[in-house]
Amino acid sequence: MQEWIVQITNDFGYFGIWMLIFLENIFPPIPSEVILPFSGFLTTCTKMEQWGVILYSTLGSVTGGYILYGVGYLLNEERLERIVDGKVGHCLHFKKEDVRKTMAWFRKFGNATVFFCRCIPMLRSLISIPAGMTKMPLITFTLYTTAGSLIWNIMLVSLGAWAGESWGTISGYIAMYSDIIKIIGGGIAIGILMYYLQKKKWRKERN
């Protein structure tokens, strides 16, 4: 798959990046951990610019997120779990446990979960579904998805540009330690969210 990703990015440039990230949001086995560092590397040896890569990858994240938002809008949780348990879920590498975990996060932390989960592998795709299920306002969904995706894309594109020809090493480390990234990312997300909620509570008490 890595050779296919490299070929598309080389052949189609910015549009190829948009297309790959769009598909990655719907089909998680396509790894952004390969797409983005390689795209960052290309900015060091082609006419492509980092801002362009970040812009098009973020557009891909948002438009791909709309698809899963729409899926969630049309489904309830029970029906979604049945689908994930079947051939479709197996093909997309989704598990029932992933759905339950994502829904639990959304119930516990609310709309802001969309922002934080965009920086956590696997959950970055799935989080769009509960947003659709709860009929989260599309403008709010777009803002949170854009902001979270922007941070993730800037980080990986910048790492790829910094690593240069060793971009594959960066991708390998990110893929190898994706579980650790989930834990660290989740911890950071919870910490920031708790601070946000506490700050909101302080404001209410002052008023």
Protein backbone atom coordinates (compact mmCIF):
# COMPACT_ATOMS: atom_id res chain seq x y z
CA MET A 1 0.00 0.00 0.00
CA GLN A 2 2.89 2.37 0.72
CA GLU A 3 4.11 2.20 -2.89
CA TRP A 4 0.58 2.97 -4.11
CA ILE A 5 0.34 5.99 -1.79
CA VAL A 6 3.74 7.28 -2.90
CA GLN A 7 2.79 6.85 -6.57
CA ILE A 8 -0.51 8.75 -6.26
CA THR A 9 1.13 11.58 -4.32
CA ASN A 10 3.90 11.84 -6.90
CA ASP A 11 1.51 11.73 -9.87
CA PHE A 12 -1.30 14.01 -8.66
CA GLY A 13 0.35 16.37 -6.18
CA TYR A 14 -2.02 18.37 -4.01
CA PHE A 15 -5.10 16.71 -5.49
CA GLY A 16 -3.61 13.29 -4.77
CA ILE A 17 -3.04 14.30 -1.15
CA TRP A 18 -6.65 15.47 -0.84
CA MET A 19 -7.94 12.24 -2.37
CA LEU A 20 -5.80 10.00 -0.16
CA ILE A 21 -6.70 11.80 3.07
CA PHE A 22 -10.37 11.81 2.04
CA LEU A 23 -10.21 8.03 1.59
CA GLU A 24 -8.15 7.57 4.78
CA ASN A 25 -10.98 9.11 6.80
CA ILE A 26 -13.45 6.58 5.42
CA PHE A 27 -11.08 3.63 5.09
CA PRO A 28 -8.63 3.74 8.06
CA PRO A 29 -6.30 1.00 6.72
CA ILE A 30 -5.02 3.75 4.40
CA PRO A 31 -2.51 5.32 6.83
CA SER A 32 -2.12 9.06 7.21
CA GLU A 33 1.13 8.11 8.98
CA VAL A 34 2.53 7.37 5.48
CA ILE A 35 0.68 9.97 3.39
CA LEU A 36 1.54 13.04 5.44
CA PRO A 37 5.25 12.47 6.24
CA PHE A 38 5.91 11.57 2.58
CA SER A 39 4.03 14.68 1.46
CA GLY A 40 6.14 16.69 3.89
CA PHE A 41 9.28 15.21 2.35
CA LEU A 42 8.08 16.20 -1.14
CA THR A 43 8.06 19.85 -0.05
CA THR A 44 11.85 19.62 0.28
CA CYS A 45 12.51 18.36 -3.26
CA THR A 46 9.59 19.54 -5.44
CA LYS A 47 7.64 22.74 -6.03
CA MET A 48 5.03 21.67 -3.45
CA GLU A 49 4.81 23.89 -0.37
CA GLN A 50 4.08 22.83 3.21
CA TRP A 51 1.12 25.21 3.46
CA GLY A 52 -0.39 23.63 0.33
CA VAL A 53 0.05 20.09 1.65
CA ILE A 54 -1.49 21.07 5.00
CA LEU A 55 -4.38 22.88 3.29
CA TYR A 56 -5.31 20.02 0.97
CA SER A 57 -4.86 17.33 3.61
CA THR A 58 -7.12 19.29 5.96
CA LEU A 59 -9.73 19.66 3.22
CA GLY A 60 -9.52 15.90 2.71
CA SER A 61 -10.02 15.30 6.43
CA VAL A 62 -13.10 17.53 6.58
CA THR A 63 -14.77 16.22 3.42
CA GLY A 64 -14.05 12.62 4.46
CA GLY A 65 -15.46 13.39 7.89
CA TYR A 66 -18.70 14.57 6.27
CA ILE A 67 -19.24 11.10 4.81
CA LEU A 68 -19.08 9.37 8.22
CA TYR A 69 -21.10 12.18 9.77
CA GLY A 70 -23.79 11.39 7.21
CA VAL A 71 -23.58 7.68 8.05
CA GLY A 72 -24.09 8.48 11.73
CA TYR A 73 -26.96 10.83 10.90
CA LEU A 74 -28.83 7.98 9.22
CA LEU A 75 -28.03 5.19 11.73
CA ASN A 76 -28.60 4.43 15.40
CA GLU A 77 -25.92 2.86 17.60
CA GLU A 78 -27.40 -0.64 17.59
CA ARG A 79 -27.66 -0.79 13.83
CA LEU A 80 -24.14 0.57 13.44
CA GLU A 81 -22.72 -2.14 15.71
CA ARG A 82 -24.44 -4.81 13.59
CA ILE A 83 -22.86 -3.34 10.45
CA VAL A 84 -19.42 -3.15 12.06
CA ASP A 85 -19.76 -6.77 13.17
CA GLY A 86 -20.31 -7.81 9.56
CA LYS A 87 -18.24 -7.84 6.38
CA VAL A 88 -18.24 -4.05 6.04
CA GLY A 89 -16.68 -3.56 9.46
CA HIS A 90 -14.13 -6.29 8.77
CA CYS A 91 -13.20 -4.69 5.45
CA LEU A 92 -12.78 -1.25 7.04
CA HIS A 93 -10.91 -2.69 10.05
CA PHE A 94 -13.56 -1.29 12.41
CA LYS A 95 -14.49 -3.25 15.52
CA LYS A 96 -17.58 -3.11 17.70
CA GLU A 97 -15.31 -2.17 20.62
CA ASP A 98 -14.01 0.84 18.65
CA VAL A 99 -17.56 2.05 18.12
CA ARG A 100 -18.46 1.63 21.79
CA LYS A 101 -15.27 3.37 22.93
CA THR A 102 -15.89 6.28 20.59
CA MET A 103 -19.53 6.62 21.65
CA ALA A 104 -18.48 6.52 25.32
CA TRP A 105 -15.97 9.30 24.73
CA PHE A 106 -18.58 11.39 22.98
CA ARG A 107 -21.18 10.93 25.73
CA LYS A 108 -18.66 11.77 28.42
CA PHE A 109 -16.98 14.80 26.88
CA GLY A 110 -19.52 16.11 24.38
CA ASN A 111 -18.90 18.02 21.15
CA ALA A 112 -15.29 18.91 22.01
CA THR A 113 -14.46 15.20 21.61
CA VAL A 114 -14.55 15.73 17.84
CA PHE A 115 -11.62 18.13 18.14
CA PHE A 116 -9.48 15.97 20.43
CA CYS A 117 -10.13 12.65 18.69
CA ARG A 118 -9.00 14.05 15.34
CA CYS A 119 -5.45 13.69 16.71
CA ILE A 120 -5.85 10.03 17.75
CA PRO A 121 -5.39 7.21 15.19
CA MET A 122 -8.58 5.24 14.34
CA LEU A 123 -10.74 7.44 16.58
CA ARG A 124 -10.05 10.34 14.20
CA SER A 125 -12.29 8.62 11.66
CA LEU A 126 -14.88 7.07 13.94
CA ILE A 127 -15.62 10.22 15.95
CA SER A 128 -17.57 11.66 13.00
CA ILE A 129 -20.22 8.95 13.39
CA PRO A 130 -21.50 9.82 16.89
CA ALA A 131 -21.40 13.48 15.86
CA GLY A 132 -23.88 12.61 13.12
CA MET A 133 -25.94 10.36 15.42
CA THR A 134 -26.45 13.16 17.92
CA LYS A 135 -27.28 15.61 15.12
CA MET A 136 -24.38 17.85 16.09
CA PRO A 137 -24.73 21.17 14.18
CA LEU A 138 -22.80 20.88 10.94
CA ILE A 139 -21.05 24.21 11.45
CA THR A 140 -19.81 23.10 14.90
CA PHE A 141 -18.72 19.74 13.49
CA THR A 142 -16.85 21.47 10.67
CA LEU A 143 -15.02 23.84 13.02
CA TYR A 144 -13.94 21.11 15.45
CA THR A 145 -12.95 18.72 12.65
CA THR A 146 -10.96 21.39 10.84
CA ALA A 147 -9.11 22.51 13.98
CA GLY A 148 -8.24 18.99 15.15
CA SER A 149 -7.24 17.80 11.69
CA LEU A 150 -5.10 20.90 11.17
CA ILE A 151 -3.02 20.11 14.26
CA TRP A 152 -2.53 16.45 13.21
CA ASN A 153 -1.63 17.40 9.64
CA ILE A 154 0.80 20.15 10.63
CA MET A 155 2.57 17.76 12.99
CA LEU A 156 3.05 14.90 10.50
CA VAL A 157 3.81 17.08 7.47
CA SER A 158 6.40 19.04 9.48
CA LEU A 159 8.00 15.81 10.72
CA GLY A 160 8.23 14.52 7.15
CA ALA A 161 9.83 17.76 5.94
CA TRP A 162 12.28 17.70 8.85
CA ALA A 163 13.21 14.04 8.27
CA GLY A 164 13.70 14.52 4.52
CA GLU A 165 14.67 11.30 2.79
CA SER A 166 14.28 9.48 6.11
CA TRP A 167 10.53 10.23 6.14
CA GLY A 168 9.85 6.45 6.04
CA THR A 169 11.51 6.08 9.42
CA ILE A 170 9.09 8.64 10.89
CA SER A 171 6.14 6.77 9.37
CA GLY A 172 7.43 3.49 10.75
CA TYR A 173 7.79 4.85 14.26
CA ILE A 174 4.32 6.41 14.19
CA ALA A 175 2.74 3.18 12.94
CA MET A 176 4.71 1.05 15.40
CA TYR A 177 3.75 3.14 18.35
CA SER A 178 0.19 4.00 17.32
CA ASP A 179 -1.18 2.45 20.51
CA ILE A 180 1.15 4.61 22.56
CA ILE A 181 0.06 7.62 20.53
CA LYS A 182 -3.55 6.76 21.35
CA ILE A 183 -2.77 6.63 25.06
CA ILE A 184 -0.67 9.80 25.07
CA GLY A 185 -3.10 11.62 22.79
CA GLY A 186 -6.03 10.47 24.87
CA GLY A 187 -4.31 11.59 28.08
CA ILE A 188 -3.51 15.00 26.64
CA ALA A 189 -7.04 15.33 25.28
CA ILE A 190 -8.61 14.47 28.62
CA GLY A 191 -6.25 16.83 30.43
CA ILE A 192 -7.05 19.76 28.15
CA LEU A 193 -10.75 18.99 28.28
CA MET A 194 -10.78 18.79 32.08
CA TYR A 195 -9.00 22.15 32.21
CA TYR A 196 -11.58 23.59 29.81
CA LEU A 197 -14.50 22.27 31.88
CA GLN A 198 -12.95 23.50 35.13
CA LYS A 199 -12.37 26.94 33.63
CA LYS A 200 -15.99 27.01 32.50
CA LYS A 201 -17.09 26.07 36.02
CA TRP A 202 -14.99 28.89 37.52
CA ARG A 203 -16.62 31.39 35.21
CA LYS A 204 -20.09 30.26 36.23
CA GLU A 205 -19.19 30.52 39.91
CA ARG A 206 -17.89 34.07 39.42
CA ASN A 207 -21.12 35.06 37.73
